[in-house]
Protein backbone atom coordinates (compact mmCIF):
# COMPACT_ATOMS: atom_id res chain seq x y z
CA UNK A 1 157.83 -36.92 205.38
CA UNK A 2 156.29 -40.16 203.96
CA UNK A 3 158.76 -41.67 201.18
CA UNK A 4 155.99 -43.39 199.39
CA UNK A 5 155.74 -42.61 195.43
CA UNK A 6 153.29 -39.28 195.52
CA UNK A 7 152.20 -40.65 191.87
CA UNK A 8 150.64 -43.95 192.15
CA UNK A 9 147.71 -45.64 191.00
CA UNK A 10 145.54 -44.91 194.15
CA UNK A 11 146.21 -41.45 193.30
CA UNK A 12 145.37 -41.19 189.90
CA UNK A 13 142.67 -42.87 190.06
CA UNK A 14 141.10 -41.75 193.18
CA UNK A 15 137.40 -39.73 193.51
CA UNK A 16 138.88 -36.12 193.88
CA UNK A 17 141.24 -36.74 190.55
CA UNK A 18 138.46 -37.95 188.88
CA UNK A 19 135.82 -35.15 189.71
CA UNK A 20 138.77 -32.47 188.59
CA UNK A 21 138.69 -33.77 185.23
CA UNK A 22 135.00 -33.83 184.95
CA UNK A 23 134.73 -30.28 185.95
CA UNK A 24 137.43 -29.31 183.62
CA UNK A 25 135.61 -30.83 180.65
CA UNK A 26 132.53 -29.57 181.71
CA UNK A 27 133.87 -26.28 181.28
CA UNK A 28 135.93 -27.13 177.72
CA UNK A 29 132.26 -28.52 177.11
CA UNK A 30 130.32 -24.86 178.25
CA UNK A 31 133.19 -23.03 176.22
CA UNK A 32 132.84 -24.76 172.92
CA UNK A 33 129.27 -25.11 172.83
CA UNK A 34 128.99 -21.38 173.43
CA UNK A 35 131.18 -20.64 170.31
CA UNK A 36 131.45 -20.44 166.77
CA UNK A 37 133.26 -23.78 166.03
CA UNK A 38 133.24 -23.42 162.29
CA UNK A 39 134.84 -20.05 163.04
CA UNK A 40 137.62 -21.20 165.14
CA UNK A 41 138.27 -24.32 162.31
CA UNK A 42 138.49 -21.54 160.05
CA UNK A 43 141.08 -19.80 162.04
CA UNK A 44 142.80 -22.31 162.95
CA UNK A 45 143.49 -23.49 158.97
CA UNK A 46 145.64 -20.25 158.43
CA UNK A 47 148.00 -21.82 161.32
CA UNK A 48 151.90 -21.49 160.48
CA UNK A 49 153.44 -24.67 161.65
CA UNK A 50 157.03 -23.47 161.70
CA UNK A 51 155.45 -20.43 163.84
CA UNK A 52 154.19 -23.48 165.81
CA UNK A 53 156.89 -25.44 166.07
CA UNK A 54 159.44 -23.04 167.26
CA UNK A 55 156.48 -22.02 169.82
CA UNK A 56 156.79 -25.87 171.01
CA UNK A 57 160.81 -25.42 171.08
CA UNK A 58 160.60 -22.20 172.97
CA UNK A 59 158.26 -23.97 175.59
CA UNK A 60 160.07 -26.82 176.55
CA UNK A 61 163.36 -24.89 176.24
CA UNK A 62 161.59 -23.25 179.64
CA UNK A 63 161.82 -26.40 181.62
CA UNK A 64 165.71 -26.24 181.31
CA UNK A 65 165.64 -22.58 182.66
CA UNK A 66 163.60 -24.22 185.48
CA UNK A 67 166.26 -26.80 186.25
CA UNK A 68 169.10 -24.85 186.49
CA UNK A 69 167.03 -22.09 188.45
CA UNK A 70 166.25 -25.73 190.85
CA UNK A 71 170.14 -26.57 190.66
CA UNK A 72 171.36 -22.92 192.02
CA UNK A 73 168.81 -23.58 195.43
CA UNK A 74 170.01 -26.89 195.37
CA UNK A 75 174.17 -25.59 195.53
CA UNK A 76 172.92 -23.00 197.74
CA UNK A 77 172.05 -25.89 200.47
CA UNK A 78 175.54 -28.02 199.24
CA UNK A 79 173.16 -30.73 197.43
CA UNK A 80 174.69 -31.56 193.92
CA UNK A 81 172.85 -32.58 190.81
CA UNK A 82 173.20 -32.52 187.09
CA UNK A 83 170.96 -29.79 185.35
CA UNK A 84 169.96 -32.40 182.71
CA UNK A 85 168.61 -34.30 185.36
CA UNK A 86 167.10 -31.34 187.40
CA UNK A 87 165.17 -30.25 184.02
CA UNK A 88 163.66 -34.10 184.06
CA UNK A 89 162.61 -34.28 187.65
CA UNK A 90 160.89 -30.53 186.64
CA UNK A 91 159.19 -31.68 183.83
CA UNK A 92 157.94 -34.95 185.27
CA UNK A 93 156.69 -32.43 188.01
CA UNK A 94 154.68 -30.82 185.64
CA UNK A 95 153.43 -33.98 184.20
CA UNK A 96 152.15 -35.17 187.68
CA UNK A 97 150.05 -31.54 187.68
CA UNK A 98 148.98 -32.28 184.51
CA UNK A 99 146.96 -35.37 186.09
CA UNK A 100 146.36 -34.75 189.77
CA UNK A 101 144.70 -31.04 190.53
CA UNK A 102 146.52 -30.97 193.74
CA UNK A 103 149.79 -30.14 192.85
CA UNK A 104 151.12 -33.08 193.74
CA UNK A 105 154.08 -32.48 191.53
CA UNK A 106 156.04 -30.03 193.58
CA UNK A 107 155.80 -33.36 196.39
CA UNK A 108 157.03 -35.68 193.37
CA UNK A 109 159.87 -33.33 192.65
CA UNK A 110 161.14 -33.82 195.81
CA UNK A 111 160.50 -37.49 195.58
CA UNK A 112 162.51 -37.93 192.30
CA UNK A 113 165.23 -36.08 193.73
CA UNK A 114 165.56 -38.39 196.90
CA UNK A 115 165.32 -41.51 194.62
CA UNK A 116 168.11 -39.83 192.79
CA UNK A 117 170.81 -38.40 195.17
CA UNK A 118 168.95 -39.91 198.67
CA UNK A 119 168.40 -35.69 199.33
CA UNK A 120 165.63 -35.93 202.32
CA UNK A 121 162.21 -34.97 200.72
CA UNK A 122 162.09 -32.12 203.71
CA UNK A 123 165.08 -30.47 202.54
CA UNK A 124 164.53 -30.74 198.91
CA UNK A 125 160.84 -29.43 199.29
CA UNK A 126 162.40 -26.17 201.10
CA UNK A 127 164.03 -24.93 197.76
CA UNK A 128 160.62 -25.69 196.15
CA UNK A 129 158.81 -23.52 198.32
CA UNK A 130 161.31 -20.70 197.77
CA UNK A 131 160.51 -21.02 193.67
CA UNK A 132 157.21 -20.95 194.23
CA UNK A 133 157.59 -17.22 195.96
CA UNK A 134 159.69 -16.11 193.48
CA UNK A 135 157.00 -17.48 190.91
CA UNK A 136 154.42 -15.42 192.78
CA UNK A 137 156.19 -12.19 193.18
CA UNK A 138 157.72 -12.01 189.45
CA UNK A 139 154.27 -12.97 188.50
CA UNK A 140 152.42 -10.27 190.43
CA UNK A 141 154.69 -7.62 189.38
CA UNK A 142 154.97 -8.32 185.72
CA UNK A 143 151.01 -8.57 185.62
CA UNK A 144 150.48 -5.49 187.81
CA UNK A 145 153.32 -3.06 185.25
CA UNK A 146 151.14 -5.09 181.89
CA UNK A 147 148.00 -3.82 183.40
CA UNK A 148 148.69 -0.64 183.80
CA UNK A 149 150.30 0.16 180.65
CA UNK A 150 147.30 -1.36 179.17
CA UNK A 151 144.70 -0.16 181.44
CA UNK A 152 146.39 2.87 182.84
CA UNK A 153 143.83 3.81 185.94
CA UNK A 154 141.30 1.57 184.95
CA UNK A 155 142.45 -2.17 185.39
CA UNK A 156 139.02 -3.86 185.43
CA UNK A 157 137.59 -4.55 188.77
CA UNK A 158 137.80 -8.34 189.06
CA UNK A 159 141.32 -8.00 188.19
CA UNK A 160 142.48 -5.22 190.29
CA UNK A 161 140.75 -7.22 192.92
CA UNK A 162 142.95 -10.78 192.34
CA UNK A 163 146.31 -8.49 192.07
CA UNK A 164 145.40 -7.04 195.73
CA UNK A 165 144.59 -10.91 197.05
CA UNK A 166 147.83 -12.24 195.78
CA UNK A 167 149.67 -9.20 197.12
CA UNK A 168 147.70 -9.95 200.23
CA UNK A 169 149.00 -13.42 200.42
CA UNK A 170 152.04 -12.44 199.44
CA UNK A 171 152.54 -9.97 202.47
CA UNK A 172 151.27 -12.85 204.52
CA UNK A 173 153.70 -15.59 203.70
CA UNK A 174 156.48 -13.05 203.88
CA UNK A 175 155.44 -11.94 207.08
CA UNK A 176 155.32 -15.72 208.19
CA UNK A 177 158.93 -16.52 206.80
CA UNK A 178 159.74 -13.83 209.18
CA UNK A 179 158.19 -15.18 212.59
CA UNK A 180 159.23 -18.59 211.51
CA UNK A 181 162.95 -17.16 211.78
CA UNK A 182 162.45 -15.24 215.01
CA UNK A 183 160.68 -17.24 216.58
CA UNK A 184 162.50 -20.67 215.29
CA UNK A 185 163.51 -21.72 218.66
CA UNK A 186 160.62 -21.43 220.08
CA UNK A 187 158.84 -23.46 217.68
CA UNK A 188 161.01 -26.39 217.98
CA UNK A 189 160.23 -26.35 221.64
CA UNK A 190 156.45 -27.40 220.55
CA UNK A 191 156.75 -29.22 217.52
CA UNK A 192 157.02 -33.19 217.98
CA UNK A 193 160.37 -34.82 218.11
CA UNK A 194 159.56 -36.87 214.90
CA UNK A 195 159.00 -33.82 213.29
CA UNK A 196 161.96 -32.07 214.61
CA UNK A 197 164.56 -32.87 212.06
CA UNK A 198 161.80 -32.39 209.27
CA UNK A 199 160.69 -28.69 210.35
CA UNK A 200 165.02 -27.64 210.64
CA UNK A 201 165.47 -29.03 206.93
CA UNK A 202 162.63 -27.14 205.81
CA UNK A 203 164.30 -24.53 207.72
CA UNK A 204 167.44 -24.22 206.98
CA UNK A 205 166.73 -25.07 202.81
CA UNK A 206 164.26 -22.30 202.69
CA UNK A 207 166.69 -19.45 205.08
CA UNK A 208 169.73 -20.20 203.41
CA UNK A 209 168.01 -19.55 199.80
CA UNK A 210 167.00 -16.32 200.74
CA UNK A 211 170.06 -15.20 202.78
CA UNK A 212 172.57 -15.85 199.52
CA UNK A 213 172.92 -12.90 197.33
CA UNK A 214 174.06 -14.79 194.85
CA UNK A 215 171.51 -17.52 194.74
CA UNK A 216 168.88 -14.63 195.46
CA UNK A 217 169.87 -12.49 192.02
CA UNK A 218 170.24 -15.46 189.96
CA UNK A 219 167.11 -17.07 190.65
CA UNK A 220 165.56 -13.72 190.52
CA UNK A 221 166.98 -13.31 186.82
CA UNK A 222 166.07 -17.09 186.10
CA UNK A 223 162.33 -16.31 187.50
CA UNK A 224 161.98 -13.34 185.14
CA UNK A 225 163.00 -15.13 182.04
CA UNK A 226 161.47 -18.19 182.44
CA UNK A 227 158.11 -16.25 182.10
CA UNK A 228 159.16 -14.63 179.35
CA UNK A 229 159.62 -17.52 177.96
CA UNK A 230 156.00 -18.46 178.76
CA UNK A 231 155.22 -15.06 176.92
CA UNK A 232 157.00 -16.10 174.01
CA UNK A 233 155.17 -19.35 173.31
CA UNK A 234 152.27 -17.20 173.74
CA UNK A 235 153.37 -14.73 171.10
CA UNK A 236 154.53 -17.21 168.98
CA UNK A 237 151.22 -18.98 169.06
CA UNK A 238 149.29 -16.00 168.10
CA UNK A 239 151.78 -15.13 165.36
CA UNK A 240 151.09 -18.85 164.00
CA UNK A 241 147.72 -17.40 163.53
CA UNK A 242 148.05 -14.34 161.69
CA UNK A 243 147.49 -12.07 165.05
CA UNK A 244 149.29 -9.31 165.99
CA UNK A 245 148.94 -8.56 169.70
CA UNK A 246 151.39 -6.44 171.64
CA UNK A 247 153.86 -7.27 174.17
CA UNK A 248 152.29 -5.84 177.63
CA UNK A 249 148.95 -7.88 175.95
CA UNK A 250 150.50 -10.79 175.49
CA UNK A 251 152.25 -10.78 179.26
CA UNK A 252 149.00 -9.85 180.46
CA UNK A 253 147.13 -12.77 178.92
CA UNK A 254 149.49 -15.39 179.91
CA UNK A 255 150.13 -13.97 184.02
CA UNK A 256 146.44 -13.38 184.23
CA UNK A 257 145.77 -17.23 182.90
CA UNK A 258 148.78 -18.39 185.20
CA UNK A 259 147.37 -17.46 188.34
CA UNK A 260 144.49 -20.03 187.45
CA UNK A 261 147.30 -23.15 187.57
CA UNK A 262 147.90 -21.78 191.31
CA UNK A 263 144.64 -23.06 192.17
CA UNK A 264 144.49 -26.36 192.26
CA UNK A 265 140.77 -27.03 191.58
CA UNK A 266 141.84 -29.03 188.01
CA UNK A 267 144.44 -30.33 186.89
CA UNK A 268 147.33 -27.45 185.91
CA UNK A 269 143.42 -25.31 185.64
CA UNK A 270 142.55 -27.28 182.62
CA UNK A 271 139.21 -25.65 181.52
CA UNK A 272 139.53 -22.63 183.44
CA UNK A 273 142.94 -21.62 181.66
CA UNK A 274 141.20 -21.89 178.86
CA UNK A 275 137.92 -19.75 179.28
CA UNK A 276 139.96 -17.16 180.86
CA UNK A 277 142.30 -16.96 178.08
CA UNK A 278 139.13 -16.24 175.52
CA UNK A 279 137.43 -13.54 178.08
CA UNK A 280 140.80 -11.92 178.22
CA UNK A 281 141.46 -11.36 174.64
CA UNK A 282 137.55 -10.81 174.50
CA UNK A 283 138.44 -7.81 176.84
CA UNK A 284 141.16 -6.73 174.44
CA UNK A 285 138.51 -6.69 171.43
CA UNK A 286 139.28 -9.98 169.81
CA UNK A 287 136.92 -11.97 168.38
CA UNK A 288 135.75 -15.13 170.37
CA UNK A 289 136.70 -17.47 167.49
CA UNK A 290 140.01 -15.85 167.16
CA UNK A 291 140.26 -15.97 170.75
CA UNK A 292 139.43 -19.71 171.05
CA UNK A 293 141.76 -20.42 168.27
CA UNK A 294 144.98 -19.16 170.75
CA UNK A 295 143.51 -20.50 173.81
CA UNK A 296 143.20 -24.16 172.32
CA UNK A 297 146.41 -23.93 170.19
CA UNK A 298 147.87 -22.99 173.17
CA UNK A 299 147.31 -25.38 175.53
CA UNK A 300 147.60 -27.95 173.48
CA UNK A 301 151.85 -26.78 173.79
CA UNK A 302 150.96 -26.20 177.57
CA UNK A 303 149.01 -29.24 178.91
CA UNK A 304 147.80 -31.61 176.21
CA UNK A 305 151.72 -32.04 175.00
CA UNK A 306 153.12 -32.40 178.49
CA UNK A 307 150.53 -35.10 179.31
CA UNK A 308 151.50 -37.02 175.72
CA UNK A 309 155.33 -36.62 176.11
CA UNK A 310 155.29 -37.03 179.94
CA UNK A 311 153.66 -40.04 179.57
CA UNK A 312 156.15 -41.28 177.50
CA UNK A 313 159.03 -39.83 179.99
CA UNK A 314 157.68 -40.96 182.90
CA UNK A 315 157.33 -44.73 181.25
CA UNK A 316 161.03 -44.69 180.02
CA UNK A 317 162.90 -42.48 183.36
CA UNK A 318 165.28 -44.10 185.02
CA UNK A 319 164.42 -41.85 188.04
CA UNK A 320 160.63 -42.79 188.37
């Protein structure tokens, strides 16, 4: 696979990246234009800084959990790296996803590990594919459970359709993995010789991760913990504003908004996530000004702080 740095000036300044930011800011402008900005400012003035700082701490602790999860997967295929180093790479991949809309951060993380530990990109990329499958599976399950608790048998049609599409896609991915396992030898015969090693590396890293019971259990638990830390951040942001929402509501809003980051139309779902948070909270009966305050303050942590801190880490890191 291409060993060049995926996060270069050409990528950052290309037409697609620029257009994605224009779209993001257009969505944000539409949101701000159609809400009571004075009401948002009034709500935000009630912010409890100490609780908000705790929300920041919870958010950044989730990167350690993700770094530890990646370490478990890499250890399964006999790749060794320290948890702090892997945590830094995970964080830098989030930084990359915050400025480039095509989920380039996943490839960038593999590039960083190759530079740090000489691991083939195709090998580590397989472990990241496994991470994504676990993320989507746990997200869909938790979203379904929280949605059932909140709406019972009256889940809004759009949300129900999104869940159905999500489960269908997850099922297709699992079916694809089964077929790749069964027909591995046949596929190798038709793959061009220069891609055989890449295919075998990907295949080994994916299937070794799934076949190891201990790794499967550990990665499942760590994935659940990472999603609950995401929810914990959002819960603390609402509490910092004096808004009391039930845990199922918190989990549902966070996971529903996270689905939008899986669609790489804008960097980390910028714009779309904010609007979705406000919209879902409105369905729950939360005033638009309050919902907008929550959305903007939460994204200040989960997006804008990543952009700012990530730029610093990128500039001083010995891994970039």
